[in-house]
Amino acid sequence: MTFLDICRAVRKKSGVSGDGPATVIGQTGIMERIVDWVLDAERDIVASKDQWQFLRLVATGTLTAGLYRYTVDSLGMSPTKTVNNVYVAGQSIEVVKYQDWINNIVEYGDYSKTGRPSVVTLTPDQRLQVWPTPTETLAVTVDYYRQPTTMANNSDASIIPALYHQAIVHRALMFYADYEEDMYRYGRSEVEFNQWMARLLIEQLPSSDFKRGVFGG
């Protein structure tokens, strides 16, 4: 379903009168609320887990002799949330959080040290920094989780796989029921939402994360 399709599904299932919304842009009143609830529902689902497989990508690029800092774009990556694994010339190197990098800046900040990189971090300004500084051209492969995008236009598709768009619909219906103070409708929507989320968790999370629940870490 497109963004508009999802909003229309929420309107229809909620029982709100009319055939709309006609568009997701420039709405007022209850139609504006429906659009906002759909966006909030998608954000809630995406933010509930750190390792959704639908956010995971693999990019390949090249490290250059004498260069230790690379924009994610220069390595063929999308805006990045977290880096999972990095392979330089086919060999895995250590990925450290930026704060840990800063805490070891005496070592990792010494870019005069050269050799095959063994450590990498993602900086807040969307760059990969490697250490030591490479002395030759090297192939690099980055396994990472991209930053989620948000729907904005009628024809936009959710980053959540289409098979599970009903999870967005029923989460939005929970917002609607809460707004109407309709606890019966809220409970019914919550049951449907949890069923769809259970399917999404099984399909789109590493097995080690599945048991943490719908809105666990």
N, C-alpha and C. Protein backbone atom coordinates (compact mmCIF):
# COMPACT_ATOMS: atom_id res chain seq x y z
N MET A 1 0.84 -1.21 0.00
CA MET A 1 0.00 0.00 0.00
C MET A 1 0.87 1.25 0.00
N THR A 2 0.37 2.28 -0.65
CA THR A 2 1.04 3.57 -0.59
C THR A 2 0.65 4.28 0.71
N PHE A 3 1.30 5.39 0.98
CA PHE A 3 0.96 6.21 2.13
C PHE A 3 -0.53 6.56 2.11
N LEU A 4 -1.02 6.99 0.96
CA LEU A 4 -2.43 7.35 0.84
C LEU A 4 -3.34 6.14 1.07
N ASP A 5 -2.95 4.99 0.52
CA ASP A 5 -3.74 3.77 0.71
C ASP A 5 -3.86 3.41 2.19
N ILE A 6 -2.76 3.53 2.92
CA ILE A 6 -2.78 3.20 4.34
C ILE A 6 -3.71 4.15 5.09
N CYS A 7 -3.63 5.43 4.77
CA CYS A 7 -4.50 6.40 5.43
C CYS A 7 -5.97 6.11 5.14
N ARG A 8 -6.28 5.74 3.91
CA ARG A 8 -7.65 5.40 3.56
C ARG A 8 -8.12 4.14 4.27
N ALA A 9 -7.22 3.19 4.43
CA ALA A 9 -7.57 1.96 5.16
C ALA A 9 -7.90 2.28 6.62
N VAL A 10 -7.11 3.16 7.22
CA VAL A 10 -7.36 3.57 8.61
C VAL A 10 -8.70 4.29 8.70
N ARG A 11 -8.97 5.20 7.77
CA ARG A 11 -10.25 5.92 7.78
C ARG A 11 -11.41 4.95 7.67
N LYS A 12 -11.31 4.00 6.76
CA LYS A 12 -12.40 3.05 6.54
C LYS A 12 -12.62 2.16 7.77
N LYS A 13 -11.55 1.61 8.34
CA LYS A 13 -11.68 0.72 9.48
C LYS A 13 -12.11 1.46 10.74
N SER A 14 -11.80 2.75 10.81
CA SER A 14 -12.19 3.53 11.98
C SER A 14 -13.67 3.85 12.00
N GLY A 15 -14.30 3.82 10.82
CA GLY A 15 -15.71 4.18 10.72
C GLY A 15 -15.94 5.65 10.51
N VAL A 16 -14.87 6.43 10.35
CA VAL A 16 -15.01 7.85 10.05
C VAL A 16 -15.70 7.99 8.69
N SER A 17 -16.68 8.85 8.60
CA SER A 17 -17.47 8.98 7.37
C SER A 17 -16.67 9.60 6.24
N GLY A 18 -17.12 9.36 5.01
CA GLY A 18 -16.46 9.93 3.85
C GLY A 18 -15.66 8.92 3.08
N ASP A 19 -15.02 9.38 2.01
CA ASP A 19 -14.23 8.50 1.15
C ASP A 19 -12.74 8.82 1.22
N GLY A 20 -12.39 9.80 1.99
CA GLY A 20 -11.02 10.29 2.01
C GLY A 20 -10.09 9.45 2.85
N PRO A 21 -8.91 10.04 3.08
CA PRO A 21 -8.52 11.36 2.56
C PRO A 21 -8.19 11.31 1.07
N ALA A 22 -8.42 12.42 0.39
CA ALA A 22 -8.11 12.50 -1.04
C ALA A 22 -6.62 12.64 -1.27
N THR A 23 -5.93 13.17 -0.27
CA THR A 23 -4.49 13.36 -0.34
C THR A 23 -3.94 13.39 1.07
N VAL A 24 -2.65 13.13 1.23
CA VAL A 24 -2.03 13.19 2.56
C VAL A 24 -1.52 14.59 2.88
N ILE A 25 -1.59 15.47 1.90
CA ILE A 25 -1.01 16.81 2.03
C ILE A 25 -2.11 17.84 2.27
N GLY A 26 -1.90 18.71 3.24
CA GLY A 26 -2.79 19.84 3.46
C GLY A 26 -4.12 19.50 4.08
N GLN A 27 -4.23 18.37 4.76
CA GLN A 27 -5.49 18.00 5.38
C GLN A 27 -5.74 18.79 6.67
N THR A 28 -6.99 18.83 7.09
CA THR A 28 -7.37 19.47 8.35
C THR A 28 -8.33 18.54 9.09
N GLY A 29 -8.58 18.86 10.35
CA GLY A 29 -9.55 18.09 11.13
C GLY A 29 -9.16 16.64 11.29
N ILE A 30 -10.17 15.76 11.24
CA ILE A 30 -9.93 14.35 11.50
C ILE A 30 -9.05 13.71 10.45
N MET A 31 -9.13 14.19 9.19
CA MET A 31 -8.28 13.62 8.15
C MET A 31 -6.81 13.93 8.41
N GLU A 32 -6.54 15.12 8.91
CA GLU A 32 -5.16 15.47 9.28
C GLU A 32 -4.67 14.56 10.41
N ARG A 33 -5.56 14.28 11.36
CA ARG A 33 -5.19 13.40 12.47
C ARG A 33 -4.88 12.00 11.96
N ILE A 34 -5.67 11.52 11.03
CA ILE A 34 -5.44 10.18 10.48
C ILE A 34 -4.07 10.11 9.80
N VAL A 35 -3.75 11.12 9.01
CA VAL A 35 -2.43 11.17 8.37
C VAL A 35 -1.33 11.15 9.42
N ASP A 36 -1.48 11.95 10.46
CA ASP A 36 -0.47 12.01 11.51
C ASP A 36 -0.37 10.70 12.28
N TRP A 37 -1.51 10.05 12.52
CA TRP A 37 -1.49 8.78 13.24
C TRP A 37 -0.77 7.70 12.44
N VAL A 38 -0.95 7.72 11.13
CA VAL A 38 -0.25 6.75 10.29
C VAL A 38 1.26 6.97 10.37
N LEU A 39 1.69 8.22 10.31
CA LEU A 39 3.12 8.52 10.42
C LEU A 39 3.66 8.12 11.79
N ASP A 40 2.89 8.43 12.84
CA ASP A 40 3.32 8.06 14.19
C ASP A 40 3.41 6.54 14.34
N ALA A 41 2.45 5.84 13.73
CA ALA A 41 2.45 4.37 13.81
C ALA A 41 3.68 3.79 13.14
N GLU A 42 4.01 4.29 11.96
CA GLU A 42 5.19 3.80 11.26
C GLU A 42 6.45 4.09 12.07
N ARG A 43 6.56 5.28 12.62
CA ARG A 43 7.74 5.65 13.40
C ARG A 43 7.86 4.76 14.64
N ASP A 44 6.74 4.50 15.31
CA ASP A 44 6.75 3.64 16.50
C ASP A 44 7.30 2.26 16.17
N ILE A 45 6.82 1.70 15.08
CA ILE A 45 7.23 0.35 14.70
C ILE A 45 8.71 0.32 14.35
N VAL A 46 9.14 1.25 13.51
CA VAL A 46 10.54 1.27 13.08
C VAL A 46 11.48 1.53 14.26
N ALA A 47 11.08 2.43 15.16
CA ALA A 47 11.94 2.78 16.28
C ALA A 47 11.96 1.72 17.37
N SER A 48 11.06 0.74 17.30
CA SER A 48 10.95 -0.24 18.37
C SER A 48 12.11 -1.23 18.41
N LYS A 49 12.82 -1.38 17.29
CA LYS A 49 13.94 -2.32 17.21
C LYS A 49 15.13 -1.68 16.50
N ASP A 50 16.31 -2.10 16.87
CA ASP A 50 17.53 -1.54 16.28
C ASP A 50 18.01 -2.30 15.05
N GLN A 51 17.55 -3.53 14.89
CA GLN A 51 18.15 -4.38 13.86
C GLN A 51 17.11 -4.97 12.91
N TRP A 52 16.21 -4.15 12.43
CA TRP A 52 15.27 -4.59 11.42
C TRP A 52 16.03 -4.96 10.14
N GLN A 53 15.72 -6.11 9.60
CA GLN A 53 16.40 -6.53 8.38
C GLN A 53 16.05 -5.65 7.19
N PHE A 54 14.88 -5.01 7.22
CA PHE A 54 14.52 -4.13 6.10
C PHE A 54 15.34 -2.84 6.10
N LEU A 55 16.10 -2.60 7.16
CA LEU A 55 17.00 -1.45 7.19
C LEU A 55 18.44 -1.84 6.87
N ARG A 56 18.69 -3.13 6.71
CA ARG A 56 20.07 -3.61 6.56
C ARG A 56 20.49 -3.62 5.09
N LEU A 57 21.67 -3.07 4.83
CA LEU A 57 22.22 -3.01 3.48
C LEU A 57 23.70 -3.38 3.51
N VAL A 58 24.23 -3.71 2.35
CA VAL A 58 25.66 -3.98 2.19
C VAL A 58 26.19 -3.11 1.05
N ALA A 59 27.26 -2.37 1.30
CA ALA A 59 27.86 -1.51 0.30
C ALA A 59 29.32 -1.90 0.09
N THR A 60 29.80 -1.69 -1.11
CA THR A 60 31.21 -1.95 -1.41
C THR A 60 31.85 -0.67 -1.94
N GLY A 61 33.08 -0.45 -1.55
CA GLY A 61 33.80 0.74 -2.00
C GLY A 61 35.29 0.51 -1.96
N THR A 62 36.03 1.61 -1.94
CA THR A 62 37.49 1.52 -1.99
C THR A 62 38.11 2.48 -0.98
N LEU A 63 39.08 1.97 -0.23
CA LEU A 63 39.90 2.82 0.63
C LEU A 63 41.12 3.26 -0.18
N THR A 64 41.53 4.49 0.04
CA THR A 64 42.62 5.08 -0.74
C THR A 64 43.84 5.31 0.13
N ALA A 65 45.00 5.08 -0.41
CA ALA A 65 46.25 5.30 0.33
C ALA A 65 46.32 6.73 0.85
N GLY A 66 46.61 6.87 2.14
CA GLY A 66 46.77 8.19 2.74
C GLY A 66 45.49 8.83 3.20
N LEU A 67 44.33 8.21 2.98
CA LEU A 67 43.04 8.79 3.34
C LEU A 67 42.39 7.93 4.42
N TYR A 68 42.08 8.54 5.57
CA TYR A 68 41.54 7.78 6.69
C TYR A 68 40.08 8.10 6.98
N ARG A 69 39.50 9.09 6.28
CA ARG A 69 38.12 9.52 6.57
C ARG A 69 37.33 9.54 5.27
N TYR A 70 36.14 8.89 5.27
CA TYR A 70 35.35 8.74 4.05
C TYR A 70 33.88 9.06 4.33
N THR A 71 33.25 9.84 3.46
CA THR A 71 31.82 10.04 3.59
C THR A 71 31.11 8.73 3.26
N VAL A 72 29.97 8.50 3.87
CA VAL A 72 29.24 7.27 3.55
C VAL A 72 28.83 7.25 2.08
N ASP A 73 28.55 8.43 1.53
CA ASP A 73 28.18 8.50 0.12
C ASP A 73 29.32 8.03 -0.78
N SER A 74 30.56 8.37 -0.42
CA SER A 74 31.70 8.00 -1.26
C SER A 74 31.93 6.49 -1.27
N LEU A 75 31.35 5.80 -0.30
CA LEU A 75 31.48 4.34 -0.23
C LEU A 75 30.22 3.64 -0.73
N GLY A 76 29.33 4.41 -1.34
CA GLY A 76 28.10 3.84 -1.89
C GLY A 76 27.05 3.50 -0.86
N MET A 77 27.13 4.15 0.31
CA MET A 77 26.19 3.87 1.39
C MET A 77 25.08 4.91 1.44
N SER A 78 23.93 4.52 1.95
CA SER A 78 22.85 5.44 2.27
C SER A 78 23.14 6.08 3.62
N PRO A 79 22.42 7.16 3.98
CA PRO A 79 22.57 7.69 5.34
C PRO A 79 22.44 6.56 6.35
N THR A 80 23.38 6.52 7.28
CA THR A 80 23.60 5.32 8.08
C THR A 80 23.22 5.51 9.54
N LYS A 81 22.53 4.49 10.09
CA LYS A 81 22.16 4.48 11.50
C LYS A 81 23.27 3.85 12.33
N THR A 82 23.64 2.63 12.00
CA THR A 82 24.73 1.94 12.69
C THR A 82 25.49 1.06 11.70
N VAL A 83 26.73 0.81 12.02
CA VAL A 83 27.56 -0.09 11.20
C VAL A 83 27.65 -1.43 11.92
N ASN A 84 27.39 -2.48 11.18
CA ASN A 84 27.36 -3.82 11.75
C ASN A 84 28.72 -4.51 11.61
N ASN A 85 29.18 -4.66 10.37
CA ASN A 85 30.48 -5.30 10.09
C ASN A 85 31.18 -4.55 8.97
N VAL A 86 32.51 -4.55 9.02
CA VAL A 86 33.31 -3.95 7.95
C VAL A 86 34.42 -4.93 7.59
N TYR A 87 34.61 -5.12 6.29
CA TYR A 87 35.64 -6.03 5.80
C TYR A 87 36.58 -5.25 4.88
N VAL A 88 37.86 -5.28 5.19
CA VAL A 88 38.88 -4.63 4.38
C VAL A 88 39.71 -5.71 3.72
N ALA A 89 39.73 -5.69 2.39
CA ALA A 89 40.42 -6.73 1.62
C ALA A 89 39.98 -8.12 2.05
N GLY A 90 38.69 -8.25 2.34
CA GLY A 90 38.12 -9.54 2.69
C GLY A 90 38.28 -9.95 4.14
N GLN A 91 38.92 -9.13 4.95
CA GLN A 91 39.14 -9.48 6.35
C GLN A 91 38.34 -8.56 7.26
N SER A 92 37.68 -9.13 8.25
CA SER A 92 36.87 -8.35 9.19
C SER A 92 37.77 -7.47 10.06
N ILE A 93 37.32 -6.22 10.28
CA ILE A 93 38.03 -5.34 11.20
C ILE A 93 37.09 -4.93 12.32
N GLU A 94 37.63 -4.38 13.40
CA GLU A 94 36.84 -4.05 14.58
C GLU A 94 36.03 -2.77 14.33
N VAL A 95 34.74 -2.83 14.66
CA VAL A 95 33.86 -1.67 14.59
C VAL A 95 33.65 -1.17 16.01
N VAL A 96 33.98 0.09 16.27
CA VAL A 96 33.80 0.66 17.61
C VAL A 96 32.85 1.84 17.54
N LYS A 97 32.09 2.04 18.62
CA LYS A 97 31.22 3.21 18.70
C LYS A 97 32.07 4.47 18.76
N TYR A 98 31.49 5.58 18.28
CA TYR A 98 32.27 6.81 18.19
C TYR A 98 32.76 7.27 19.56
N GLN A 99 31.93 7.08 20.61
CA GLN A 99 32.35 7.50 21.93
C GLN A 99 33.57 6.70 22.39
N ASP A 100 33.58 5.41 22.06
CA ASP A 100 34.75 4.59 22.41
C ASP A 100 35.98 5.03 21.61
N TRP A 101 35.74 5.45 20.38
CA TRP A 101 36.83 5.99 19.55
C TRP A 101 37.42 7.23 20.21
N ILE A 102 36.54 8.13 20.63
CA ILE A 102 36.99 9.37 21.28
C ILE A 102 37.74 9.05 22.58
N ASN A 103 37.25 8.07 23.31
CA ASN A 103 37.91 7.70 24.56
C ASN A 103 39.31 7.13 24.33
N ASN A 104 39.57 6.67 23.11
CA ASN A 104 40.90 6.14 22.77
C ASN A 104 41.57 7.00 21.70
N ILE A 105 41.30 8.30 21.75
CA ILE A 105 41.76 9.21 20.70
C ILE A 105 43.28 9.27 20.62
N VAL A 106 43.96 9.03 21.73
CA VAL A 106 45.42 9.05 21.70
C VAL A 106 45.94 8.01 20.71
N GLU A 107 45.26 6.87 20.70
CA GLU A 107 45.67 5.80 19.78
C GLU A 107 45.03 5.99 18.41
N TYR A 108 43.69 6.02 18.37
CA TYR A 108 42.99 6.04 17.09
C TYR A 108 43.12 7.38 16.36
N GLY A 109 43.47 8.43 17.10
CA GLY A 109 43.63 9.74 16.47
C GLY A 109 45.02 9.97 15.88
N ASP A 110 45.88 8.99 16.03
CA ASP A 110 47.23 9.11 15.47
C ASP A 110 47.22 8.64 14.02
N TYR A 111 46.87 9.54 13.11
CA TYR A 111 46.76 9.17 11.71
C TYR A 111 48.11 9.10 11.00
N SER A 112 49.16 9.40 11.74
CA SER A 112 50.49 9.22 11.15
C SER A 112 50.86 7.75 11.10
N LYS A 113 50.16 6.94 11.91
CA LYS A 113 50.42 5.51 11.87
C LYS A 113 49.74 4.93 10.63
N THR A 114 50.46 4.18 9.86
CA THR A 114 49.93 3.65 8.61
C THR A 114 49.97 2.12 8.58
N GLY A 115 49.18 1.57 7.69
CA GLY A 115 49.13 0.12 7.54
C GLY A 115 47.73 -0.29 7.11
N ARG A 116 47.46 -1.55 7.13
CA ARG A 116 46.12 -2.02 6.79
C ARG A 116 45.17 -1.70 7.94
N PRO A 117 44.08 -0.99 7.69
CA PRO A 117 43.17 -0.60 8.77
C PRO A 117 42.65 -1.81 9.56
N SER A 118 42.57 -1.64 10.89
CA SER A 118 42.08 -2.70 11.76
C SER A 118 40.90 -2.25 12.62
N VAL A 119 40.61 -0.94 12.63
CA VAL A 119 39.53 -0.38 13.44
C VAL A 119 38.78 0.66 12.61
N VAL A 120 37.46 0.74 12.81
CA VAL A 120 36.65 1.71 12.08
C VAL A 120 35.54 2.22 12.99
N THR A 121 35.11 3.46 12.75
CA THR A 121 33.97 4.01 13.49
C THR A 121 33.13 4.86 12.55
N LEU A 122 31.87 5.05 12.92
CA LEU A 122 30.96 5.95 12.20
C LEU A 122 30.86 7.23 13.01
N THR A 123 31.22 8.36 12.39
CA THR A 123 31.20 9.64 13.09
C THR A 123 29.80 10.27 13.05
N PRO A 124 29.51 11.21 13.95
CA PRO A 124 28.20 11.87 13.94
C PRO A 124 27.89 12.59 12.64
N ASP A 125 28.92 12.98 11.88
CA ASP A 125 28.66 13.68 10.61
C ASP A 125 28.67 12.73 9.42
N GLN A 126 28.36 11.45 9.68
CA GLN A 126 28.18 10.47 8.62
C GLN A 126 29.44 10.21 7.80
N ARG A 127 30.52 9.94 8.50
CA ARG A 127 31.77 9.54 7.86
C ARG A 127 32.31 8.29 8.54
N LEU A 128 32.97 7.47 7.75
CA LEU A 128 33.68 6.32 8.31
C LEU A 128 35.14 6.71 8.48
N GLN A 129 35.65 6.53 9.69
CA GLN A 129 37.06 6.76 9.97
C GLN A 129 37.74 5.43 10.22
N VAL A 130 38.87 5.21 9.57
CA VAL A 130 39.60 3.97 9.77
C VAL A 130 40.95 4.26 10.42
N TRP A 131 41.48 3.25 11.05
CA TRP A 131 42.80 3.36 11.70
C TRP A 131 43.46 2.00 11.64
N PRO A 132 44.75 1.93 11.33
CA PRO A 132 45.62 3.02 10.88
C PRO A 132 45.26 3.50 9.46
N THR A 133 45.93 4.55 9.03
CA THR A 133 45.71 5.09 7.69
C THR A 133 46.24 4.12 6.64
N PRO A 134 45.40 3.78 5.65
CA PRO A 134 45.84 2.80 4.64
C PRO A 134 47.05 3.30 3.83
N THR A 135 47.87 2.38 3.41
CA THR A 135 49.05 2.71 2.60
C THR A 135 48.87 2.28 1.15
N GLU A 136 47.73 1.68 0.85
CA GLU A 136 47.47 1.22 -0.51
C GLU A 136 45.96 1.22 -0.75
N THR A 137 45.58 1.08 -2.01
CA THR A 137 44.16 0.97 -2.35
C THR A 137 43.63 -0.39 -1.89
N LEU A 138 42.52 -0.37 -1.16
CA LEU A 138 41.97 -1.59 -0.59
C LEU A 138 40.45 -1.63 -0.79
N ALA A 139 39.93 -2.79 -1.12
CA ALA A 139 38.49 -2.96 -1.23
C ALA A 139 37.89 -3.00 0.18
N VAL A 140 36.73 -2.35 0.33
CA VAL A 140 36.04 -2.36 1.62
C VAL A 140 34.57 -2.73 1.40
N THR A 141 34.05 -3.55 2.29
CA THR A 141 32.65 -3.93 2.28
C THR A 141 32.05 -3.56 3.63
N VAL A 142 30.92 -2.87 3.60
CA VAL A 142 30.30 -2.39 4.83
C VAL A 142 28.89 -2.97 4.94
N ASP A 143 28.66 -3.68 6.01
CA ASP A 143 27.35 -4.24 6.36
C ASP A 143 26.77 -3.30 7.42
N TYR A 144 25.64 -2.64 7.09
CA TYR A 144 25.16 -1.57 7.97
C TYR A 144 23.64 -1.47 7.96
N TYR A 145 23.13 -0.68 8.90
CA TYR A 145 21.71 -0.37 8.97
C TYR A 145 21.51 1.09 8.57
N ARG A 146 20.69 1.29 7.56
CA ARG A 146 20.45 2.65 7.07
C ARG A 146 19.49 3.40 7.98
N GLN A 147 19.51 4.70 7.89
CA GLN A 147 18.55 5.52 8.61
C GLN A 147 17.18 5.37 7.95
N PRO A 148 16.12 5.21 8.74
CA PRO A 148 14.79 5.07 8.15
C PRO A 148 14.32 6.36 7.51
N THR A 149 13.56 6.23 6.45
CA THR A 149 12.94 7.36 5.79
C THR A 149 11.47 7.44 6.21
N THR A 150 10.88 8.62 6.05
CA THR A 150 9.49 8.84 6.43
C THR A 150 8.66 9.13 5.20
N MET A 151 7.48 8.57 5.15
CA MET A 151 6.57 8.84 4.04
C MET A 151 6.13 10.30 4.06
N ALA A 152 5.99 10.88 2.86
CA ALA A 152 5.61 12.29 2.78
C ALA A 152 4.56 12.56 1.70
N ASN A 153 4.60 11.80 0.61
CA ASN A 153 3.71 12.05 -0.52
C ASN A 153 2.74 10.89 -0.71
N ASN A 154 1.69 11.14 -1.46
CA ASN A 154 0.62 10.15 -1.65
C ASN A 154 1.15 8.79 -2.09
N SER A 155 2.08 8.79 -3.03
CA SER A 155 2.54 7.53 -3.63
C SER A 155 3.72 6.91 -2.90
N ASP A 156 4.20 7.54 -1.83
CA ASP A 156 5.33 6.98 -1.09
C ASP A 156 4.95 5.65 -0.47
N ALA A 157 5.91 4.73 -0.45
CA ALA A 157 5.73 3.44 0.21
C ALA A 157 6.48 3.43 1.53
N SER A 158 5.93 2.78 2.52
CA SER A 158 6.60 2.66 3.80
C SER A 158 7.88 1.86 3.66
N ILE A 159 8.84 2.17 4.49
CA ILE A 159 10.07 1.39 4.53
C ILE A 159 9.80 -0.01 5.10
N ILE A 160 8.71 -0.16 5.84
CA ILE A 160 8.29 -1.47 6.34
C ILE A 160 7.76 -2.29 5.17
N PRO A 161 8.16 -3.56 5.04
CA PRO A 161 7.71 -4.36 3.90
C PRO A 161 6.20 -4.36 3.74
N ALA A 162 5.74 -4.37 2.49
CA ALA A 162 4.32 -4.25 2.17
C ALA A 162 3.47 -5.32 2.83
N LEU A 163 4.03 -6.52 3.00
CA LEU A 163 3.27 -7.61 3.60
C LEU A 163 2.80 -7.28 5.00
N TYR A 164 3.46 -6.33 5.66
CA TYR A 164 3.16 -6.03 7.07
C TYR A 164 2.58 -4.62 7.26
N HIS A 165 2.05 -4.03 6.22
CA HIS A 165 1.47 -2.70 6.35
C HIS A 165 0.25 -2.67 7.27
N GLN A 166 -0.39 -3.84 7.46
CA GLN A 166 -1.52 -3.88 8.38
C GLN A 166 -1.09 -3.56 9.81
N ALA A 167 0.18 -3.79 10.13
CA ALA A 167 0.68 -3.40 11.46
C ALA A 167 0.58 -1.89 11.62
N ILE A 168 0.91 -1.14 10.57
CA ILE A 168 0.79 0.32 10.61
C ILE A 168 -0.67 0.71 10.77
N VAL A 169 -1.54 0.07 10.00
CA VAL A 169 -2.97 0.38 10.04
C VAL A 169 -3.51 0.22 11.46
N HIS A 170 -3.23 -0.92 12.08
CA HIS A 170 -3.83 -1.19 13.39
C HIS A 170 -3.17 -0.39 14.50
N ARG A 171 -1.90 -0.05 14.35
CA ARG A 171 -1.29 0.85 15.34
C ARG A 171 -1.92 2.23 15.23
N ALA A 172 -2.18 2.70 14.01
CA ALA A 172 -2.85 3.99 13.83
C ALA A 172 -4.27 3.94 14.40
N LEU A 173 -4.95 2.82 14.24
CA LEU A 173 -6.30 2.67 14.80
C LEU A 173 -6.27 2.71 16.33
N MET A 174 -5.18 2.26 16.92
CA MET A 174 -5.04 2.39 18.37
C MET A 174 -4.96 3.85 18.78
N PHE A 175 -4.24 4.67 18.00
CA PHE A 175 -4.19 6.11 18.28
C PHE A 175 -5.58 6.73 18.15
N TYR A 176 -6.30 6.31 17.10
CA TYR A 176 -7.65 6.83 16.89
C TYR A 176 -8.56 6.46 18.07
N ALA A 177 -8.52 5.21 18.49
CA ALA A 177 -9.37 4.75 19.58
C ALA A 177 -9.03 5.48 20.88
N ASP A 178 -7.75 5.72 21.11
CA ASP A 178 -7.35 6.47 22.30
C ASP A 178 -7.90 7.89 22.24
N TYR A 179 -7.84 8.50 21.07
CA TYR A 179 -8.37 9.86 20.88
C TYR A 179 -9.88 9.89 21.16
N GLU A 180 -10.59 8.86 20.73
CA GLU A 180 -12.03 8.78 20.93
C GLU A 180 -12.39 8.22 22.32
N GLU A 181 -11.38 7.84 23.09
CA GLU A 181 -11.58 7.23 24.40
C GLU A 181 -12.48 5.99 24.29
N ASP A 182 -12.23 5.22 23.25
CA ASP A 182 -12.99 4.00 22.98
C ASP A 182 -12.11 2.81 23.31
N MET A 183 -12.18 2.34 24.55
CA MET A 183 -11.30 1.28 25.01
C MET A 183 -11.62 -0.07 24.37
N TYR A 184 -12.87 -0.29 23.99
CA TYR A 184 -13.21 -1.54 23.29
C TYR A 184 -12.52 -1.58 21.94
N ARG A 185 -12.65 -0.50 21.18
CA ARG A 185 -11.99 -0.44 19.87
C ARG A 185 -10.48 -0.51 20.04
N TYR A 186 -9.96 0.15 21.06
CA TYR A 186 -8.52 0.13 21.31
C TYR A 186 -8.04 -1.30 21.53
N GLY A 187 -8.78 -2.06 22.35
CA GLY A 187 -8.38 -3.43 22.64
C GLY A 187 -8.40 -4.31 21.40
N ARG A 188 -9.43 -4.15 20.57
CA ARG A 188 -9.51 -4.94 19.33
C ARG A 188 -8.36 -4.61 18.39
N SER A 189 -8.06 -3.32 18.27
CA SER A 189 -6.96 -2.89 17.39
C SER A 189 -5.62 -3.37 17.91
N GLU A 190 -5.47 -3.35 19.23
CA GLU A 190 -4.22 -3.80 19.84
C GLU A 190 -3.98 -5.28 19.58
N VAL A 191 -5.02 -6.09 19.65
CA VAL A 191 -4.90 -7.52 19.36
C VAL A 191 -4.43 -7.73 17.93
N GLU A 192 -5.07 -7.03 16.99
CA GLU A 192 -4.69 -7.14 15.58
C GLU A 192 -3.26 -6.66 15.36
N PHE A 193 -2.92 -5.56 15.98
CA PHE A 193 -1.57 -5.02 15.85
C PHE A 193 -0.53 -6.01 16.35
N ASN A 194 -0.76 -6.59 17.52
CA ASN A 194 0.20 -7.53 18.08
C ASN A 194 0.37 -8.77 17.19
N GLN A 195 -0.71 -9.20 16.56
CA GLN A 195 -0.62 -10.34 15.66
C GLN A 195 0.25 -10.03 14.45
N TRP A 196 0.04 -8.86 13.86
CA TRP A 196 0.86 -8.46 12.71
C TRP A 196 2.31 -8.22 13.10
N MET A 197 2.51 -7.62 14.28
CA MET A 197 3.87 -7.38 14.74
C MET A 197 4.61 -8.68 15.02
N ALA A 198 3.91 -9.68 15.52
CA ALA A 198 4.55 -10.97 15.77
C ALA A 198 5.10 -11.55 14.48
N ARG A 199 4.33 -11.42 13.39
CA ARG A 199 4.79 -11.90 12.09
C ARG A 199 5.99 -11.09 11.61
N LEU A 200 5.93 -9.78 11.81
CA LEU A 200 7.04 -8.92 11.39
C LEU A 200 8.31 -9.24 12.16
N LEU A 201 8.17 -9.49 13.46
CA LEU A 201 9.33 -9.81 14.28
C LEU A 201 10.00 -11.10 13.83
N ILE A 202 9.20 -12.09 13.53
CA ILE A 202 9.74 -13.38 13.09
C ILE A 202 10.50 -13.22 11.78
N GLU A 203 9.93 -12.45 10.87
CA GLU A 203 10.49 -12.34 9.52
C GLU A 203 11.66 -11.38 9.44
N GLN A 204 11.64 -10.31 10.24
CA GLN A 204 12.55 -9.20 10.01
C GLN A 204 13.54 -8.92 11.14
N LEU A 205 13.64 -9.82 12.11
CA LEU A 205 14.64 -9.65 13.17
C LEU A 205 15.57 -10.85 13.22
N PRO A 206 16.83 -10.64 13.59
CA PRO A 206 17.69 -11.79 13.88
C PRO A 206 17.06 -12.61 14.99
N SER A 207 17.21 -13.91 14.94
CA SER A 207 16.56 -14.79 15.92
C SER A 207 16.95 -14.46 17.35
N SER A 208 18.14 -13.93 17.56
CA SER A 208 18.60 -13.61 18.91
C SER A 208 17.83 -12.46 19.52
N ASP A 209 17.17 -11.61 18.67
CA ASP A 209 16.44 -10.46 19.17
C ASP A 209 14.94 -10.71 19.29
N PHE A 210 14.46 -11.80 18.74
CA PHE A 210 13.02 -12.00 18.63
C PHE A 210 12.31 -12.03 19.97
N LYS A 211 12.93 -12.65 20.99
CA LYS A 211 12.25 -12.87 22.26
C LYS A 211 12.12 -11.60 23.09
N ARG A 212 12.60 -10.48 22.62
CA ARG A 212 12.53 -9.25 23.39
C ARG A 212 11.17 -8.58 23.32
N GLY A 213 10.28 -9.07 22.48
CA GLY A 213 8.91 -8.55 22.46
C GLY A 213 8.69 -7.46 21.46
N VAL A 214 7.42 -7.01 21.38
CA VAL A 214 7.01 -6.05 20.36
C VAL A 214 7.76 -4.75 20.46
N PHE A 215 7.81 -4.18 21.66
CA PHE A 215 8.50 -2.90 21.84
C PHE A 215 9.68 -3.04 22.80
N GLY A 216 10.33 -4.20 22.77
CA GLY A 216 11.56 -4.39 23.54
C GLY A 216 12.72 -3.73 22.83
N GLY A 217 13.96 -3.93 23.35
CA GLY A 217 15.11 -3.24 22.82
C GLY A 217 15.50 -3.63 21.42
